[in-house]
Amino acid sequence: MQDKILRKFFLGFIQIHILHHAKQDPIYGAWMLQELHEHGYEISPGTLYPILRRMESGGLLDKEEITVDGKVRKYYRITALGEEIYPEARKKHMSCLRK
């Protein structure tokens, strides 16, 4: 039971982190995995890529496919909805950390 609850929190934190970076510059999965690892998140591609797809289908991210060195790379950018939601999500996250 606790594992499921902690996983939901963990995934929420990751989504906030994704929005933060997608707001600054377009991101792609391999880069995001590395960034998350640098912040102590142990996440696999099998967890990250479905999150990115759900965030795209939920209207928080837009995807653009670009060929880089002969391989198609999917870049994600924050959408207007993501821009609207991000500050409130970040504020709630940060206020919880301060308590």
PDB file of N, CA and C in Angstrom:
ATOM      1  N   MET A   1       0.827  -1.199   0.000  1.00  0.00           N
ATOM      2  CA  MET A   1       0.000   0.000   0.000  1.00  0.00           C
ATOM      3  C   MET A   1       0.869   1.261   0.000  1.00  0.00           C
ATOM      4  N   GLN A   2       1.863   1.305   0.896  1.00  0.00           N
ATOM      5  CA  GLN A   2       2.736   2.473   0.968  1.00  0.00           C
ATOM      6  C   GLN A   2       3.515   2.647  -0.323  1.00  0.00           C
ATOM      7  N   ASP A   3       3.922   1.546  -0.926  1.00  0.00           N
ATOM      8  CA  ASP A   3       4.681   1.622  -2.180  1.00  0.00           C
ATOM      9  C   ASP A   3       3.874   2.317  -3.268  1.00  0.00           C
ATOM     10  N   LYS A   4       2.579   2.010  -3.359  1.00  0.00           N
ATOM     11  CA  LYS A   4       1.726   2.635  -4.381  1.00  0.00           C
ATOM     12  C   LYS A   4       1.579   4.136  -4.128  1.00  0.00           C
ATOM     13  N   ILE A   5       1.413   4.509  -2.876  1.00  0.00           N
ATOM     14  CA  ILE A   5       1.266   5.920  -2.522  1.00  0.00           C
ATOM     15  C   ILE A   5       2.561   6.674  -2.825  1.00  0.00           C
ATOM     16  N   LEU A   6       3.674   6.112  -2.404  1.00  0.00           N
ATOM     17  CA  LEU A   6       4.962   6.754  -2.662  1.00  0.00           C
ATOM     18  C   LEU A   6       5.233   6.864  -4.148  1.00  0.00           C
ATOM     19  N   ARG A   7       4.850   5.856  -4.916  1.00  0.00           N
ATOM     20  CA  ARG A   7       5.048   5.887  -6.373  1.00  0.00           C
ATOM     21  C   ARG A   7       4.259   7.035  -7.002  1.00  0.00           C
ATOM     22  N   LYS A   8       3.026   7.270  -6.532  1.00  0.00           N
ATOM     23  CA  LYS A   8       2.223   8.373  -7.065  1.00  0.00           C
ATOM     24  C   LYS A   8       2.895   9.719  -6.785  1.00  0.00           C
ATOM     25  N   PHE A   9       3.401   9.885  -5.579  1.00  0.00           N
ATOM     26  CA  PHE A   9       4.120  11.124  -5.256  1.00  0.00           C
ATOM     27  C   PHE A   9       5.341  11.278  -6.145  1.00  0.00           C
ATOM     28  N   PHE A  10       6.112  10.219  -6.239  1.00  0.00           N
ATOM     29  CA  PHE A  10       7.328  10.194  -7.036  1.00  0.00           C
ATOM     30  C   PHE A  10       7.033  10.592  -8.482  1.00  0.00           C
ATOM     31  N   LEU A  11       5.992  10.007  -9.067  1.00  0.00           N
ATOM     32  CA  LEU A  11       5.647  10.316 -10.457  1.00  0.00           C
ATOM     33  C   LEU A  11       5.177  11.759 -10.610  1.00  0.00           C
ATOM     34  N   GLY A  12       4.499  12.280  -9.602  1.00  0.00           N
ATOM     35  CA  GLY A  12       4.094  13.683  -9.638  1.00  0.00           C
ATOM     36  C   GLY A  12       5.285  14.623  -9.612  1.00  0.00           C
ATOM     37  N   PHE A  13       6.275  14.307  -8.780  1.00  0.00           N
ATOM     38  CA  PHE A  13       7.487  15.127  -8.719  1.00  0.00           C
ATOM     39  C   PHE A  13       8.212  15.104 -10.054  1.00  0.00           C
ATOM     40  N   ILE A  14       8.255  13.937 -10.668  1.00  0.00           N
ATOM     41  CA  ILE A  14       8.923  13.808 -11.968  1.00  0.00           C
ATOM     42  C   ILE A  14       8.203  14.647 -13.018  1.00  0.00           C
ATOM     43  N   GLN A  15       6.889  14.653 -12.999  1.00  0.00           N
ATOM     44  CA  GLN A  15       6.141  15.452 -13.981  1.00  0.00           C
ATOM     45  C   GLN A  15       6.408  16.941 -13.802  1.00  0.00           C
ATOM     46  N   ILE A  16       6.502  17.394 -12.572  1.00  0.00           N
ATOM     47  CA  ILE A  16       6.827  18.801 -12.320  1.00  0.00           C
ATOM     48  C   ILE A  16       8.223  19.101 -12.865  1.00  0.00           C
ATOM     49  N   HIS A  17       9.145  18.195 -12.624  1.00  0.00           N
ATOM     50  CA  HIS A  17      10.514  18.372 -13.111  1.00  0.00           C
ATOM     51  C   HIS A  17      10.537  18.416 -14.646  1.00  0.00           C
ATOM     52  N   ILE A  18       9.777  17.551 -15.279  1.00  0.00           N
ATOM     53  CA  ILE A  18       9.694  17.535 -16.747  1.00  0.00           C
ATOM     54  C   ILE A  18       9.150  18.868 -17.252  1.00  0.00           C
ATOM     55  N   LEU A  19       8.061  19.346 -16.658  1.00  0.00           N
ATOM     56  CA  LEU A  19       7.491  20.628 -17.084  1.00  0.00           C
ATOM     57  C   LEU A  19       8.496  21.759 -16.907  1.00  0.00           C
ATOM     58  N   HIS A  20       9.222  21.728 -15.808  1.00  0.00           N
ATOM     59  CA  HIS A  20      10.232  22.764 -15.552  1.00  0.00           C
ATOM     60  C   HIS A  20      11.222  22.842 -16.716  1.00  0.00           C
ATOM     61  N   HIS A  21      11.748  21.705 -17.132  1.00  0.00           N
ATOM     62  CA  HIS A  21      12.751  21.710 -18.197  1.00  0.00           C
ATOM     63  C   HIS A  21      12.142  21.947 -19.572  1.00  0.00           C
ATOM     64  N   ALA A  22      10.949  21.417 -19.807  1.00  0.00           N
ATOM     65  CA  ALA A  22      10.289  21.621 -21.103  1.00  0.00           C
ATOM     66  C   ALA A  22       9.866  23.072 -21.285  1.00  0.00           C
ATOM     67  N   LYS A  23       9.763  23.792 -20.191  1.00  0.00           N
ATOM     68  CA  LYS A  23       9.447  25.227 -20.241  1.00  0.00           C
ATOM     69  C   LYS A  23      10.683  26.012 -20.682  1.00  0.00           C
ATOM     70  N   GLN A  24      11.865  25.557 -20.274  1.00  0.00           N
ATOM     71  CA  GLN A  24      13.097  26.260 -20.605  1.00  0.00           C
ATOM     72  C   GLN A  24      13.544  25.988 -22.037  1.00  0.00           C
ATOM     73  N   ASP A  25      13.574  24.730 -22.427  1.00  0.00           N
ATOM     74  CA  ASP A  25      14.034  24.294 -23.748  1.00  0.00           C
ATOM     75  C   ASP A  25      13.347  22.980 -24.093  1.00  0.00           C
ATOM     76  N   PRO A  26      13.273  22.648 -25.372  1.00  0.00           N
ATOM     77  CA  PRO A  26      12.743  21.326 -25.724  1.00  0.00           C
ATOM     78  C   PRO A  26      13.615  20.239 -25.094  1.00  0.00           C
ATOM     79  N   ILE A  27      12.977  19.168 -24.642  1.00  0.00           N
ATOM     80  CA  ILE A  27      13.691  18.058 -24.010  1.00  0.00           C
ATOM     81  C   ILE A  27      13.464  16.787 -24.820  1.00  0.00           C
ATOM     82  N   TYR A  28      14.322  15.802 -24.623  1.00  0.00           N
ATOM     83  CA  TYR A  28      14.090  14.467 -25.194  1.00  0.00           C
ATOM     84  C   TYR A  28      14.398  13.442 -24.112  1.00  0.00           C
ATOM     85  N   GLY A  29      13.877  12.257 -24.289  1.00  0.00           N
ATOM     86  CA  GLY A  29      13.881  11.246 -23.246  1.00  0.00           C
ATOM     87  C   GLY A  29      15.235  10.922 -22.652  1.00  0.00           C
ATOM     88  N   ALA A  30      16.238  10.621 -23.486  1.00  0.00           N
ATOM     89  CA  ALA A  30      17.550  10.233 -22.959  1.00  0.00           C
ATOM     90  C   ALA A  30      18.160  11.359 -22.126  1.00  0.00           C
ATOM     91  N   TRP A  31      18.019  12.589 -22.575  1.00  0.00           N
ATOM     92  CA  TRP A  31      18.531  13.724 -21.808  1.00  0.00           C
ATOM     93  C   TRP A  31      17.788  13.839 -20.482  1.00  0.00           C
ATOM     94  N   MET A  32      16.457  13.674 -20.520  1.00  0.00           N
ATOM     95  CA  MET A  32      15.651  13.799 -19.309  1.00  0.00           C
ATOM     96  C   MET A  32      16.005  12.709 -18.314  1.00  0.00           C
ATOM     97  N   LEU A  33      16.265  11.495 -18.787  1.00  0.00           N
ATOM     98  CA  LEU A  33      16.688  10.419 -17.892  1.00  0.00           C
ATOM     99  C   LEU A  33      17.965  10.809 -17.153  1.00  0.00           C
ATOM    100  N   GLN A  34      18.930  11.340 -17.884  1.00  0.00           N
ATOM    101  CA  GLN A  34      20.191  11.754 -17.290  1.00  0.00           C
ATOM    102  C   GLN A  34      19.965  12.876 -16.274  1.00  0.00           C
ATOM    103  N   GLU A  35      19.152  13.842 -16.635  1.00  0.00           N
ATOM    104  CA  GLU A  35      18.845  14.968 -15.745  1.00  0.00           C
ATOM    105  C   GLU A  35      18.189  14.469 -14.459  1.00  0.00           C
ATOM    106  N   LEU A  36      17.243  13.587 -14.590  1.00  0.00           N
ATOM    107  CA  LEU A  36      16.565  13.051 -13.406  1.00  0.00           C
ATOM    108  C   LEU A  36      17.532  12.260 -12.524  1.00  0.00           C
ATOM    109  N   HIS A  37      18.408  11.490 -13.143  1.00  0.00           N
ATOM    110  CA  HIS A  37      19.406  10.731 -12.380  1.00  0.00           C
ATOM    111  C   HIS A  37      20.319  11.677 -11.606  1.00  0.00           C
ATOM    112  N   GLU A  38      20.685  12.807 -12.214  1.00  0.00           N
ATOM    113  CA  GLU A  38      21.539  13.787 -11.533  1.00  0.00           C
ATOM    114  C   GLU A  38      20.860  14.382 -10.299  1.00  0.00           C
ATOM    115  N   HIS A  39      19.532  14.337 -10.280  1.00  0.00           N
ATOM    116  CA  HIS A  39      18.779  14.864  -9.140  1.00  0.00           C
ATOM    117  C   HIS A  39      18.340  13.748  -8.195  1.00  0.00           C
ATOM    118  N   GLY A  40      18.895  12.560  -8.387  1.00  0.00           N
ATOM    119  CA  GLY A  40      18.627  11.467  -7.457  1.00  0.00           C
ATOM    120  C   GLY A  40      17.423  10.610  -7.779  1.00  0.00           C
ATOM    121  N   TYR A  41      16.776  10.851  -8.897  1.00  0.00           N
ATOM    122  CA  TYR A  41      15.638  10.018  -9.284  1.00  0.00           C
ATOM    123  C   TYR A  41      16.159   8.776  -9.995  1.00  0.00           C
ATOM    124  N   GLU A  42      15.805   7.611  -9.482  1.00  0.00           N
ATOM    125  CA  GLU A  42      16.155   6.351 -10.140  1.00  0.00           C
ATOM    126  C   GLU A  42      14.947   5.943 -10.968  1.00  0.00           C
ATOM    127  N   ILE A  43      15.000   6.223 -12.239  1.00  0.00           N
ATOM    128  CA  ILE A  43      13.870   5.985 -13.132  1.00  0.00           C
ATOM    129  C   ILE A  43      14.385   5.312 -14.389  1.00  0.00           C
ATOM    130  N   SER A  44      13.611   4.382 -14.895  1.00  0.00           N
ATOM    131  CA  SER A  44      14.006   3.652 -16.099  1.00  0.00           C
ATOM    132  C   SER A  44      13.315   4.259 -17.316  1.00  0.00           C
ATOM    133  N   PRO A  45      13.833   3.962 -18.507  1.00  0.00           N
ATOM    134  CA  PRO A  45      13.140   4.411 -19.724  1.00  0.00           C
ATOM    135  C   PRO A  45      11.709   3.874 -19.776  1.00  0.00           C
ATOM    136  N   GLY A  46      11.502   2.675 -19.252  1.00  0.00           N
ATOM    137  CA  GLY A  46      10.166   2.079 -19.248  1.00  0.00           C
ATOM    138  C   GLY A  46       9.172   2.810 -18.368  1.00  0.00           C
ATOM    139  N   THR A  47       9.669   3.652 -17.481  1.00  0.00           N
ATOM    140  CA  THR A  47       8.800   4.502 -16.662  1.00  0.00           C
ATOM    141  C   THR A  47       8.689   5.890 -17.272  1.00  0.00           C
ATOM    142  N   LEU A  48       9.807   6.439 -17.733  1.00  0.00           N
ATOM    143  CA  LEU A  48       9.802   7.811 -18.249  1.00  0.00           C
ATOM    144  C   LEU A  48       8.988   7.969 -19.527  1.00  0.00           C
ATOM    145  N   TYR A  49       9.208   7.095 -20.501  1.00  0.00           N
ATOM    146  CA  TYR A  49       8.556   7.306 -21.794  1.00  0.00           C
ATOM    147  C   TYR A  49       7.030   7.255 -21.718  1.00  0.00           C
ATOM    148  N   PRO A  50       6.431   6.353 -20.936  1.00  0.00           N
ATOM    149  CA  PRO A  50       4.972   6.436 -20.770  1.00  0.00           C
ATOM    150  C   PRO A  50       4.517   7.736 -20.096  1.00  0.00           C
ATOM    151  N   ILE A  51       5.331   8.268 -19.164  1.00  0.00           N
ATOM    152  CA  ILE A  51       4.989   9.553 -18.534  1.00  0.00           C
ATOM    153  C   ILE A  51       4.962  10.646 -19.593  1.00  0.00           C
ATOM    154  N   LEU A  52       5.982  10.680 -20.446  1.00  0.00           N
ATOM    155  CA  LEU A  52       6.026  11.700 -21.506  1.00  0.00           C
ATOM    156  C   LEU A  52       4.816  11.563 -22.435  1.00  0.00           C
ATOM    157  N   ARG A  53       4.473  10.328 -22.793  1.00  0.00           N
ATOM    158  CA  ARG A  53       3.304  10.120 -23.675  1.00  0.00           C
ATOM    159  C   ARG A  53       2.014  10.557 -22.999  1.00  0.00           C
ATOM    160  N   ARG A  54       1.864  10.235 -21.696  1.00  0.00           N
ATOM    161  CA  ARG A  54       0.650  10.654 -20.973  1.00  0.00           C
ATOM    162  C   ARG A  54       0.580  12.176 -20.862  1.00  0.00           C
ATOM    163  N   MET A  55       1.714  12.808 -20.616  1.00  0.00           N
ATOM    164  CA  MET A  55       1.727  14.267 -20.517  1.00  0.00           C
ATOM    165  C   MET A  55       1.398  14.892 -21.871  1.00  0.00           C
ATOM    166  N   GLU A  56       1.844  14.258 -22.946  1.00  0.00           N
ATOM    167  CA  GLU A  56       1.494  14.748 -24.285  1.00  0.00           C
ATOM    168  C   GLU A  56       0.001  14.554 -24.543  1.00  0.00           C
ATOM    169  N   SER A  57      -0.507  13.363 -24.277  1.00  0.00           N
ATOM    170  CA  SER A  57      -1.930  13.116 -24.537  1.00  0.00           C
ATOM    171  C   SER A  57      -2.821  13.938 -23.613  1.00  0.00           C
ATOM    172  N   GLY A  58      -2.298  14.321 -22.439  1.00  0.00           N
ATOM    173  CA  GLY A  58      -3.040  15.167 -21.511  1.00  0.00           C
ATOM    174  C   GLY A  58      -2.959  16.650 -21.836  1.00  0.00           C
ATOM    175  N   GLY A  59      -2.219  16.982 -22.893  1.00  0.00           N
ATOM    176  CA  GLY A  59      -2.155  18.368 -23.334  1.00  0.00           C
ATOM    177  C   GLY A  59      -1.111  19.216 -22.632  1.00  0.00           C
ATOM    178  N   LEU A  60      -0.217  18.587 -21.848  1.00  0.00           N
ATOM    179  CA  LEU A  60       0.809  19.349 -21.132  1.00  0.00           C
ATOM    180  C   LEU A  60       2.076  19.544 -21.951  1.00  0.00           C
ATOM    181  N   LEU A  61       2.326  18.626 -22.898  1.00  0.00           N
ATOM    182  CA  LEU A  61       3.514  18.686 -23.744  1.00  0.00           C
ATOM    183  C   LEU A  61       3.120  18.527 -25.205  1.00  0.00           C
ATOM    184  N   ASP A  62       3.878  19.164 -26.079  1.00  0.00           N
ATOM    185  CA  ASP A  62       3.786  18.941 -27.531  1.00  0.00           C
ATOM    186  C   ASP A  62       5.024  18.178 -27.941  1.00  0.00           C
ATOM    187  N   LYS A  63       4.882  17.297 -28.931  1.00  0.00           N
ATOM    188  CA  LYS A  63       6.003  16.495 -29.397  1.00  0.00           C
ATOM    189  C   LYS A  63       6.346  16.858 -30.834  1.00  0.00           C
ATOM    190  N   GLU A  64       7.641  16.929 -31.108  1.00  0.00           N
ATOM    191  CA  GLU A  64       8.133  17.145 -32.458  1.00  0.00           C
ATOM    192  C   GLU A  64       9.222  16.108 -32.712  1.00  0.00           C
ATOM    193  N   GLU A  65       9.119  15.406 -33.828  1.00  0.00           N
ATOM    194  CA  GLU A  65      10.129  14.404 -34.163  1.00  0.00           C
ATOM    195  C   GLU A  65      11.155  15.016 -35.102  1.00  0.00           C
ATOM    196  N   ILE A  66      12.430  14.913 -34.721  1.00  0.00           N
ATOM    197  CA  ILE A  66      13.534  15.486 -35.485  1.00  0.00           C
ATOM    198  C   ILE A  66      14.587  14.393 -35.673  1.00  0.00           C
ATOM    199  N   THR A  67      15.116  14.295 -36.886  1.00  0.00           N
ATOM    200  CA  THR A  67      16.165  13.323 -37.163  1.00  0.00           C
ATOM    201  C   THR A  67      17.513  13.909 -36.762  1.00  0.00           C
ATOM    202  N   VAL A  68      18.210  13.189 -35.886  1.00  0.00           N
ATOM    203  CA  VAL A  68      19.526  13.599 -35.386  1.00  0.00           C
ATOM    204  C   VAL A  68      20.472  12.421 -35.603  1.00  0.00           C
ATOM    205  N   ASP A  69      21.529  12.630 -36.392  1.00  0.00           N
ATOM    206  CA  ASP A  69      22.490  11.570 -36.686  1.00  0.00           C
ATOM    207  C   ASP A  69      21.812  10.309 -37.211  1.00  0.00           C
ATOM    208  N   GLY A  70      20.827  10.500 -38.068  1.00  0.00           N
ATOM    209  CA  GLY A  70      20.139   9.374 -38.688  1.00  0.00           C
ATOM    210  C   GLY A  70      19.081   8.704 -37.833  1.00  0.00           C
ATOM    211  N   LYS A  71      18.876   9.194 -36.610  1.00  0.00           N
ATOM    212  CA  LYS A  71      17.870   8.614 -35.720  1.00  0.00           C
ATOM    213  C   LYS A  71      16.793   9.653 -35.425  1.00  0.00           C
ATOM    214  N   VAL A  72      15.564   9.185 -35.330  1.00  0.00           N
ATOM    215  CA  VAL A  72      14.458  10.085 -35.004  1.00  0.00           C
ATOM    216  C   VAL A  72      14.440  10.292 -33.496  1.00  0.00           C
ATOM    217  N   ARG A  73      14.496  11.541 -33.090  1.00  0.00           N
ATOM    218  CA  ARG A  73      14.451  11.903 -31.668  1.00  0.00           C
ATOM    219  C   ARG A  73      13.166  12.690 -31.439  1.00  0.00           C
ATOM    220  N   LYS A  74      12.465  12.358 -30.374  1.00  0.00           N
ATOM    221  CA  LYS A  74      11.221  13.051 -30.028  1.00  0.00           C
ATOM    222  C   LYS A  74      11.532  14.142 -29.011  1.00  0.00           C
ATOM    223  N   TYR A  75      11.294  15.371 -29.426  1.00  0.00           N
ATOM    224  CA  TYR A  75      11.494  16.525 -28.547  1.00  0.00           C
ATOM    225  C   TYR A  75      10.145  16.972 -27.993  1.00  0.00           C
ATOM    226  N   TYR A  76      10.138  17.295 -26.726  1.00  0.00           N
ATOM    227  CA  TYR A  76       8.906  17.738 -26.063  1.00  0.00           C
ATOM    228  C   TYR A  76       9.069  19.170 -25.583  1.00  0.00           C
ATOM    229  N   ARG A  77       8.009  19.949 -25.802  1.00  0.00           N
ATOM    230  CA  ARG A  77       7.946  21.340 -25.334  1.00  0.00           C
ATOM    231  C   ARG A  77       6.677  21.493 -24.502  1.00  0.00           C
ATOM    232  N   ILE A  78       6.718  22.413 -23.581  1.00  0.00           N
ATOM    233  CA  ILE A  78       5.543  22.673 -22.756  1.00  0.00           C
ATOM    234  C   ILE A  78       4.465  23.350 -23.610  1.00  0.00           C
ATOM    235  N   THR A  79       3.214  23.043 -23.347  1.00  0.00           N
ATOM    236  CA  THR A  79       2.087  23.667 -24.053  1.00  0.00           C
ATOM    237  C   THR A  79       1.543  24.832 -23.223  1.00  0.00           C
ATOM    238  N   ALA A  80       0.560  25.515 -23.775  1.00  0.00           N
ATOM    239  CA  ALA A  80      -0.088  26.602 -23.027  1.00  0.00           C
ATOM    240  C   ALA A  80      -0.727  26.054 -21.751  1.00  0.00           C
ATOM    241  N   LEU A  81      -1.350  24.883 -21.831  1.00  0.00           N
ATOM    242  CA  LEU A  81      -1.947  24.268 -20.637  1.00  0.00           C
ATOM    243  C   LEU A  81      -0.857  23.930 -19.620  1.00  0.00           C
ATOM    244  N   GLY A  82       0.247  23.375 -20.086  1.00  0.00           N
ATOM    245  CA  GLY A  82       1.364  23.072 -19.199  1.00  0.00           C
ATOM    246  C   GLY A  82       1.902  24.323 -18.533  1.00  0.00           C
ATOM    247  N   GLU A  83       2.007  25.405 -19.314  1.00  0.00           N
ATOM    248  CA  GLU A  83       2.471  26.699 -18.777  1.00  0.00           C
ATOM    249  C   GLU A  83       1.533  27.202 -17.685  1.00  0.00           C
ATOM    250  N   GLU A  84       0.244  26.947 -17.883  1.00  0.00           N
ATOM    251  CA  GLU A  84      -0.761  27.400 -16.922  1.00  0.00           C
ATOM    252  C   GLU A  84      -0.698  26.579 -15.632  1.00  0.00           C
ATOM    253  N   ILE A  85      -0.518  25.278 -15.763  1.00  0.00           N
ATOM    254  CA  ILE A  85      -0.536  24.373 -14.615  1.00  0.00           C
ATOM    255  C   ILE A  85       0.775  24.379 -13.844  1.00  0.00           C
ATOM    256  N   TYR A  86       1.889  24.520 -14.541  1.00  0.00           N
ATOM    257  CA  TYR A  86       3.203  24.386 -13.919  1.00  0.00           C
ATOM    258  C   TYR A  86       3.419  25.274 -12.687  1.00  0.00           C
ATOM    259  N   PRO A  87       3.149  26.577 -12.745  1.00  0.00           N
ATOM    260  CA  PRO A  87       3.436  27.414 -11.559  1.00  0.00           C
ATOM    261  C   PRO A  87       2.674  26.968 -10.318  1.00  0.00           C
ATOM    262  N   GLU A  88       1.420  26.589 -10.490  1.00  0.00           N
ATOM    263  CA  GLU A  88       0.623  26.159  -9.333  1.00  0.00           C
ATOM    264  C   GLU A  88       1.124  24.829  -8.788  1.00  0.00           C
ATOM    265  N   ALA A  89       1.458  23.899  -9.689  1.00  0.00           N
ATOM    266  CA  ALA A  89       1.981  22.601  -9.253  1.00  0.00           C
ATOM    267  C   ALA A  89       3.304  22.792  -8.517  1.00  0.00           C
ATOM    268  N   ARG A  90       4.161  23.627  -9.057  1.00  0.00           N
ATOM    269  CA  ARG A  90       5.470  23.879  -8.435  1.00  0.00           C
ATOM    270  C   ARG A  90       5.299  24.544  -7.070  1.00  0.00           C
ATOM    271  N   LYS A  91       4.376  25.512  -7.009  1.00  0.00           N
ATOM    272  CA  LYS A  91       4.140  26.218  -5.750  1.00  0.00           C
ATOM    273  C   LYS A  91       3.641  25.242  -4.676  1.00  0.00           C
ATOM    274  N   LYS A  92       2.724  24.370  -5.026  1.00  0.00           N
ATOM    275  CA  LYS A  92       2.207  23.397  -4.062  1.00  0.00           C
ATOM    276  C   LYS A  92       3.305  22.427  -3.636  1.00  0.00           C
ATOM    277  N   HIS A  93       4.101  22.001  -4.593  1.00  0.00           N
ATOM    278  CA  HIS A  93       5.207  21.081  -4.295  1.00  0.00           C
ATOM    279  C   HIS A  93       6.198  21.745  -3.334  1.00  0.00           C
ATOM    280  N   MET A  94       6.570  22.969  -3.628  1.00  0.00           N
ATOM    281  CA  MET A  94       7.560  23.666  -2.793  1.00  0.00           C
ATOM    282  C   MET A  94       7.008  23.981  -1.414  1.00  0.00           C
ATOM    283  N   SER A  95       5.735  24.322  -1.316  1.00  0.00           N
ATOM    284  CA  SER A  95       5.168  24.634   0.002  1.00  0.00           C
ATOM    285  C   SER A  95       5.107  23.380   0.872  1.00  0.00           C
ATOM    286  N   CYS A  96       4.914  22.231   0.265  1.00  0.00           N
ATOM    287  CA  CYS A  96       4.922  20.978   1.028  1.00  0.00           C
ATOM    288  C   CYS A  96       6.310  20.666   1.542  1.00  0.00           C
ATOM    289  N   LEU A  97       7.322  20.974   0.768  1.00  0.00           N
ATOM    290  CA  LEU A  97       8.692  20.679   1.171  1.00  0.00           C
ATOM    291  C   LEU A  97       9.138  21.560   2.335  1.00  0.00           C
ATOM    292  N   ARG A  98       8.569  22.764   2.440  1.00  0.00           N
ATOM    293  CA  ARG A  98       8.963  23.697   3.498  1.00  0.00           C
ATOM    294  C   ARG A  98       8.335  23.370   4.850  1.00  0.00           C
ATOM    295  N   LYS A  99       7.316  22.533   4.852  1.00  0.00           N
ATOM    296  CA  LYS A  99       6.601  22.237   6.117  1.00  0.00           C
ATOM    297  C   LYS A  99       7.295  21.177   6.907  1.00  0.00           C
TER     298      LYS A  99
END
